[in-house]
Amino acid sequence: MRRAETTVELGSGQSFAIAGLLERTSIDATNALPGIGEVPVIGSLFKSNDFQRGESELVIIVTPYIVEPTSSPQALHAPTDGFKPATDLDRILYGRQMAPLPGPTLNAGFILK
């Protein structure tokens, strides 16, 4: 497990990259038939070379938001409240992944300043 820890001062909605990690791996393997694979001229017919290379990158970006506390739990809404899955018609013709909701959309979970 790898961990990053830092202290930064940001305004609400500003983003900052606090860490990055780049990992590179390479594997070079030679497989040969025992005995005949070491013969100088015809040995190459009985062996194989494998080479694999892998790269991965991880970046941690933080974006804080200042929110207002609420006085009652009923005032908070989950992002899935009122979710209605898209029908085949919505997905195929309109390219939607969820059906349009009637009425205004709501702020889910918190209020942004």
Protein backbone atom coordinates (compact mmCIF):
# COMPACT_ATOMS: atom_id res chain seq x y z
CA MET A 1 0.00 0.00 0.00
CA ARG A 2 1.25 3.45 -0.91
CA ARG A 3 0.17 6.60 0.85
CA ALA A 4 0.43 10.36 0.27
CA GLU A 5 -0.11 13.03 2.89
CA THR A 6 0.23 16.79 2.60
CA THR A 7 -1.31 20.09 3.71
CA VAL A 8 -2.48 22.65 1.14
CA GLU A 9 -4.60 25.78 1.27
CA LEU A 10 -7.22 25.95 -1.48
CA GLY A 11 -10.37 27.90 -2.14
CA SER A 12 -13.69 26.17 -2.62
CA GLY A 13 -13.71 24.42 -6.01
CA GLN A 14 -9.98 24.79 -6.72
CA SER A 15 -8.05 21.63 -7.63
CA PHE A 16 -4.51 20.62 -6.76
CA ALA A 17 -2.47 17.49 -7.59
CA ILE A 18 -0.93 16.25 -4.34
CA ALA A 19 0.82 13.09 -5.52
CA GLY A 20 1.85 11.10 -8.55
CA LEU A 21 3.24 7.63 -9.07
CA LEU A 22 4.69 6.06 -12.20
CA GLU A 23 5.53 2.36 -12.27
CA ARG A 24 7.35 0.60 -15.10
CA THR A 25 7.97 -3.12 -15.36
CA SER A 26 9.69 -5.18 -18.01
CA ILE A 27 10.16 -8.93 -18.33
CA ASP A 28 12.52 -10.61 -20.78
CA ALA A 29 12.32 -14.41 -20.84
CA THR A 30 13.98 -17.00 -23.05
CA ASN A 31 12.50 -20.48 -23.27
CA ALA A 32 14.50 -23.27 -24.90
CA LEU A 33 14.26 -27.02 -25.28
CA PRO A 34 16.85 -28.45 -22.87
CA GLY A 35 20.01 -29.59 -24.58
CA ILE A 36 19.15 -28.88 -28.22
CA GLY A 37 18.30 -25.24 -27.51
CA GLU A 38 21.99 -24.51 -26.77
CA VAL A 39 23.32 -25.91 -30.08
CA PRO A 40 24.87 -22.92 -31.94
CA VAL A 41 23.19 -22.98 -35.36
CA ILE A 42 20.00 -25.03 -35.05
CA GLY A 43 19.38 -24.14 -31.38
CA SER A 44 17.51 -20.97 -32.36
CA LEU A 45 14.85 -23.15 -34.00
CA PHE A 46 14.07 -24.67 -30.60
CA LYS A 47 13.90 -21.54 -28.42
CA SER A 48 11.67 -18.50 -28.05
CA ASN A 49 12.14 -15.04 -26.59
CA ASP A 50 9.31 -13.22 -24.79
CA PHE A 51 9.38 -9.56 -23.86
CA GLN A 52 6.66 -7.80 -21.87
CA ARG A 53 6.56 -4.18 -20.79
CA GLY A 54 3.97 -2.52 -18.55
CA GLU A 55 3.44 1.03 -17.37
CA SER A 56 0.93 2.44 -14.90
CA GLU A 57 0.43 5.94 -13.57
CA LEU A 58 -1.54 7.22 -10.59
CA VAL A 59 -2.32 10.87 -9.88
CA ILE A 60 -4.19 12.07 -6.77
CA ILE A 61 -6.10 15.32 -7.28
CA VAL A 62 -8.06 17.00 -4.47
CA THR A 63 -10.91 19.49 -4.93
CA PRO A 64 -12.47 20.83 -1.70
CA TYR A 65 -15.97 22.34 -1.55
CA ILE A 66 -17.29 24.55 1.25
CA VAL A 67 -20.76 23.36 2.19
CA GLU A 68 -23.49 24.62 4.49
CA PRO A 69 -24.67 22.31 7.28
CA THR A 70 -28.32 21.39 7.35
CA SER A 71 -30.61 21.40 10.38
CA SER A 72 -32.53 18.24 9.50
CA PRO A 73 -31.58 14.98 7.78
CA GLN A 74 -34.76 15.18 5.64
CA ALA A 75 -33.28 18.20 3.84
CA LEU A 76 -30.44 16.05 2.42
CA HIS A 77 -30.96 14.08 -0.77
CA ALA A 78 -28.98 11.20 -2.19
CA PRO A 79 -27.88 11.30 -5.85
CA THR A 80 -30.09 8.27 -6.52
CA ASP A 81 -33.28 9.84 -5.12
CA GLY A 82 -35.83 9.93 -7.93
CA PHE A 83 -33.58 7.93 -10.29
CA LYS A 84 -35.50 6.45 -13.19
CA PRO A 85 -33.61 4.11 -15.53
CA ALA A 86 -33.69 4.91 -19.24
CA THR A 87 -35.97 2.93 -21.49
CA ASP A 88 -34.71 1.33 -24.68
CA LEU A 89 -36.18 4.26 -26.60
CA ASP A 90 -34.23 6.77 -24.47
CA ARG A 91 -30.97 4.84 -24.84
CA ILE A 92 -31.18 4.11 -28.57
CA LEU A 93 -32.81 7.25 -29.96
CA TYR A 94 -31.71 9.94 -27.52
CA GLY A 95 -28.45 8.45 -26.20
CA ARG A 96 -29.56 8.91 -22.58
CA GLN A 97 -28.45 6.66 -19.74
CA MET A 98 -31.30 7.76 -17.46
CA ALA A 99 -34.82 8.92 -18.18
CA PRO A 100 -35.54 12.64 -17.80
CA LEU A 101 -37.04 13.50 -14.42
CA PRO A 102 -40.17 15.62 -14.17
CA GLY A 103 -39.73 18.94 -12.36
CA PRO A 104 -36.56 20.77 -11.36
CA THR A 105 -33.35 18.95 -10.56
CA LEU A 106 -32.16 18.97 -6.95
CA ASN A 107 -28.80 19.51 -5.31
CA ALA A 108 -27.80 16.14 -3.90
CA GLY A 109 -26.18 15.98 -0.47
CA PHE A 110 -24.85 19.50 -0.03
CA ILE A 111 -25.23 23.10 -1.14
CA LEU A 112 -22.32 24.80 -2.95
CA LYS A 113 -21.52 28.43 -2.16
